[in-house]
Amino acid sequence: MTKSTPSDNCPKCGGELFQTDKNTFTGEVWREYTCRSCKHIVEVNEGIALWQVLHDAAEKAEREKGGK
């Protein structure tokens, strides 16, 4: 599993966090990390998803192209 959380340690027990889920369907990148020691879950919002940026740029380009 990929570990890209700002801190690799569980804020509850200090154990190591492992990425258990990644979700981008909202247009933002949400990652979920779980501590294998205490099962504490940490959710991290990493900002706008790349697909959302590309989608918005394509829509803007299409609007500008059609307006000329």
N, C-alpha and C. Protein backbone atom coordinates (compact mmCIF):
# COMPACT_ATOMS: atom_id res chain seq x y z
N MET A 1 0.83 -1.18 0.00
CA MET A 1 0.00 0.00 0.00
C MET A 1 0.87 1.25 0.00
N THR A 2 0.42 2.25 -0.67
CA THR A 2 1.15 3.50 -0.76
C THR A 2 1.01 4.28 0.54
N LYS A 3 2.11 4.86 0.96
CA LYS A 3 2.05 5.72 2.13
C LYS A 3 2.43 7.13 1.68
N SER A 4 1.46 8.05 1.68
CA SER A 4 1.77 9.41 1.29
C SER A 4 1.17 10.41 2.26
N THR A 5 0.80 9.94 3.44
CA THR A 5 0.26 10.83 4.44
C THR A 5 1.38 11.71 5.01
N PRO A 6 1.06 12.94 5.42
CA PRO A 6 2.09 13.81 5.96
C PRO A 6 2.85 13.19 7.13
N SER A 7 2.19 12.40 7.94
CA SER A 7 2.83 11.72 9.06
C SER A 7 2.58 10.22 8.91
N ASP A 8 3.63 9.43 9.03
CA ASP A 8 3.47 7.98 8.90
C ASP A 8 3.01 7.34 10.21
N ASN A 9 2.87 8.15 11.26
CA ASN A 9 2.52 7.62 12.57
C ASN A 9 1.09 7.95 12.96
N CYS A 10 0.46 7.00 13.60
CA CYS A 10 -0.90 7.15 14.09
C CYS A 10 -0.92 8.22 15.19
N PRO A 11 -1.84 9.19 15.08
CA PRO A 11 -1.91 10.21 16.12
C PRO A 11 -2.44 9.67 17.45
N LYS A 12 -3.05 8.49 17.42
CA LYS A 12 -3.64 7.91 18.64
C LYS A 12 -2.64 7.08 19.43
N CYS A 13 -1.92 6.18 18.71
CA CYS A 13 -1.03 5.26 19.43
C CYS A 13 0.43 5.32 18.96
N GLY A 14 0.69 6.03 17.86
CA GLY A 14 2.06 6.11 17.34
C GLY A 14 2.43 4.99 16.40
N GLY A 15 1.49 4.05 16.15
CA GLY A 15 1.75 2.96 15.22
C GLY A 15 1.84 3.46 13.79
N GLU A 16 2.26 2.58 12.90
CA GLU A 16 2.43 2.95 11.50
C GLU A 16 1.09 2.95 10.77
N LEU A 17 0.86 4.00 9.96
CA LEU A 17 -0.36 4.12 9.17
C LEU A 17 -0.14 3.55 7.77
N PHE A 18 -1.16 2.89 7.24
CA PHE A 18 -1.13 2.35 5.89
C PHE A 18 -2.35 2.84 5.14
N GLN A 19 -2.16 3.24 3.87
CA GLN A 19 -3.29 3.69 3.06
C GLN A 19 -4.21 2.52 2.79
N THR A 20 -5.50 2.71 3.09
CA THR A 20 -6.47 1.65 2.88
C THR A 20 -7.53 2.01 1.86
N ASP A 21 -7.64 3.31 1.50
CA ASP A 21 -8.65 3.71 0.52
C ASP A 21 -8.24 5.04 -0.10
N LYS A 22 -8.68 5.25 -1.34
CA LYS A 22 -8.49 6.52 -2.05
C LYS A 22 -9.77 6.79 -2.82
N ASN A 23 -10.28 8.01 -2.69
CA ASN A 23 -11.54 8.36 -3.30
C ASN A 23 -11.38 9.71 -4.01
N THR A 24 -11.79 9.78 -5.27
CA THR A 24 -11.72 11.05 -6.01
C THR A 24 -13.05 11.42 -6.64
N PHE A 25 -14.12 10.70 -6.35
CA PHE A 25 -15.38 10.95 -7.06
C PHE A 25 -15.99 12.31 -6.74
N THR A 26 -15.58 12.96 -5.67
CA THR A 26 -16.11 14.28 -5.33
C THR A 26 -15.38 15.40 -6.06
N GLY A 27 -14.30 15.06 -6.77
CA GLY A 27 -13.47 16.07 -7.41
C GLY A 27 -12.27 16.45 -6.56
N GLU A 28 -12.21 15.87 -5.36
CA GLU A 28 -11.07 16.07 -4.47
C GLU A 28 -10.47 14.70 -4.16
N VAL A 29 -9.20 14.69 -3.80
CA VAL A 29 -8.53 13.44 -3.46
C VAL A 29 -8.63 13.23 -1.95
N TRP A 30 -9.38 12.22 -1.56
CA TRP A 30 -9.49 11.82 -0.16
C TRP A 30 -8.80 10.48 0.01
N ARG A 31 -7.87 10.42 0.95
CA ARG A 31 -7.18 9.16 1.25
C ARG A 31 -7.51 8.77 2.68
N GLU A 32 -7.66 7.48 2.87
CA GLU A 32 -7.93 6.95 4.20
C GLU A 32 -6.76 6.07 4.62
N TYR A 33 -6.28 6.30 5.81
CA TYR A 33 -5.17 5.53 6.38
C TYR A 33 -5.66 4.84 7.64
N THR A 34 -5.21 3.60 7.83
CA THR A 34 -5.60 2.84 9.01
C THR A 34 -4.35 2.39 9.75
N CYS A 35 -4.42 2.51 11.07
CA CYS A 35 -3.33 2.03 11.92
C CYS A 35 -3.54 0.54 12.14
N ARG A 36 -2.54 -0.24 11.84
CA ARG A 36 -2.67 -1.70 12.03
C ARG A 36 -2.65 -2.08 13.50
N SER A 37 -2.11 -1.22 14.34
CA SER A 37 -2.03 -1.53 15.76
C SER A 37 -3.36 -1.32 16.47
N CYS A 38 -3.93 -0.11 16.35
CA CYS A 38 -5.15 0.21 17.11
C CYS A 38 -6.39 0.36 16.22
N LYS A 39 -6.22 0.23 14.90
CA LYS A 39 -7.32 0.32 13.92
C LYS A 39 -7.91 1.73 13.80
N HIS A 40 -7.21 2.74 14.31
CA HIS A 40 -7.64 4.13 14.17
C HIS A 40 -7.58 4.51 12.69
N ILE A 41 -8.58 5.26 12.23
CA ILE A 41 -8.66 5.68 10.82
C ILE A 41 -8.39 7.18 10.73
N VAL A 42 -7.53 7.55 9.80
CA VAL A 42 -7.21 8.95 9.55
C VAL A 42 -7.59 9.26 8.11
N GLU A 43 -8.42 10.30 7.91
CA GLU A 43 -8.79 10.73 6.57
C GLU A 43 -8.05 12.01 6.24
N VAL A 44 -7.49 12.06 5.02
CA VAL A 44 -6.70 13.21 4.58
C VAL A 44 -7.26 13.71 3.26
N ASN A 45 -7.56 15.01 3.20
CA ASN A 45 -7.99 15.64 1.95
C ASN A 45 -6.74 16.25 1.31
N GLU A 46 -6.38 15.75 0.13
CA GLU A 46 -5.18 16.22 -0.56
C GLU A 46 -5.49 17.25 -1.64
N GLY A 47 -6.70 17.80 -1.63
CA GLY A 47 -7.04 18.86 -2.57
C GLY A 47 -7.73 18.35 -3.82
N ILE A 48 -7.78 19.21 -4.81
CA ILE A 48 -8.50 18.93 -6.05
C ILE A 48 -7.84 17.78 -6.82
N ALA A 49 -8.67 16.92 -7.38
CA ALA A 49 -8.20 15.76 -8.14
C ALA A 49 -7.73 16.20 -9.52
N LEU A 50 -6.73 15.53 -10.04
CA LEU A 50 -6.20 15.86 -11.36
C LEU A 50 -7.28 15.79 -12.43
N TRP A 51 -8.12 14.77 -12.39
CA TRP A 51 -9.17 14.66 -13.41
C TRP A 51 -10.09 15.87 -13.37
N GLN A 52 -10.33 16.43 -12.18
CA GLN A 52 -11.20 17.60 -12.07
C GLN A 52 -10.54 18.82 -12.70
N VAL A 53 -9.25 18.98 -12.48
CA VAL A 53 -8.50 20.10 -13.08
C VAL A 53 -8.56 20.00 -14.60
N LEU A 54 -8.30 18.82 -15.13
CA LEU A 54 -8.33 18.62 -16.59
C LEU A 54 -9.72 18.83 -17.15
N HIS A 55 -10.73 18.35 -16.47
CA HIS A 55 -12.10 18.52 -16.90
C HIS A 55 -12.48 20.00 -16.96
N ASP A 56 -12.15 20.74 -15.90
CA ASP A 56 -12.45 22.17 -15.86
C ASP A 56 -11.72 22.93 -16.94
N ALA A 57 -10.46 22.58 -17.20
CA ALA A 57 -9.67 23.25 -18.24
C ALA A 57 -10.26 22.97 -19.63
N ALA A 58 -10.70 21.74 -19.86
CA ALA A 58 -11.29 21.38 -21.15
C ALA A 58 -12.60 22.14 -21.36
N GLU A 59 -13.41 22.25 -20.31
CA GLU A 59 -14.67 23.00 -20.43
C GLU A 59 -14.40 24.47 -20.72
N LYS A 60 -13.42 25.05 -20.05
CA LYS A 60 -13.08 26.45 -20.27
C LYS A 60 -12.59 26.66 -21.70
N ALA A 61 -11.73 25.76 -22.19
CA ALA A 61 -11.22 25.87 -23.55
C ALA A 61 -12.35 25.75 -24.57
N GLU A 62 -13.29 24.88 -24.30
CA GLU A 62 -14.43 24.70 -25.22
C GLU A 62 -15.30 25.96 -25.23
N ARG A 63 -15.52 26.57 -24.08
CA ARG A 63 -16.32 27.81 -24.01
C ARG A 63 -15.62 28.94 -24.77
N GLU A 64 -14.30 29.05 -24.58
CA GLU A 64 -13.54 30.10 -25.25
C GLU A 64 -13.51 29.87 -26.76
N LYS A 65 -13.42 28.62 -27.18
CA LYS A 65 -13.39 28.29 -28.61
C LYS A 65 -14.73 28.62 -29.25
N GLY A 66 -15.80 28.31 -28.56
CA GLY A 66 -17.13 28.55 -29.09
C GLY A 66 -17.50 30.03 -29.10
N GLY A 67 -16.87 30.81 -28.24
CA GLY A 67 -17.19 32.23 -28.14
C GLY A 67 -16.46 33.09 -29.15
N LYS A 68 -15.54 32.53 -29.94
CA LYS A 68 -14.77 33.34 -30.88
C LYS A 68 -15.42 33.40 -32.23
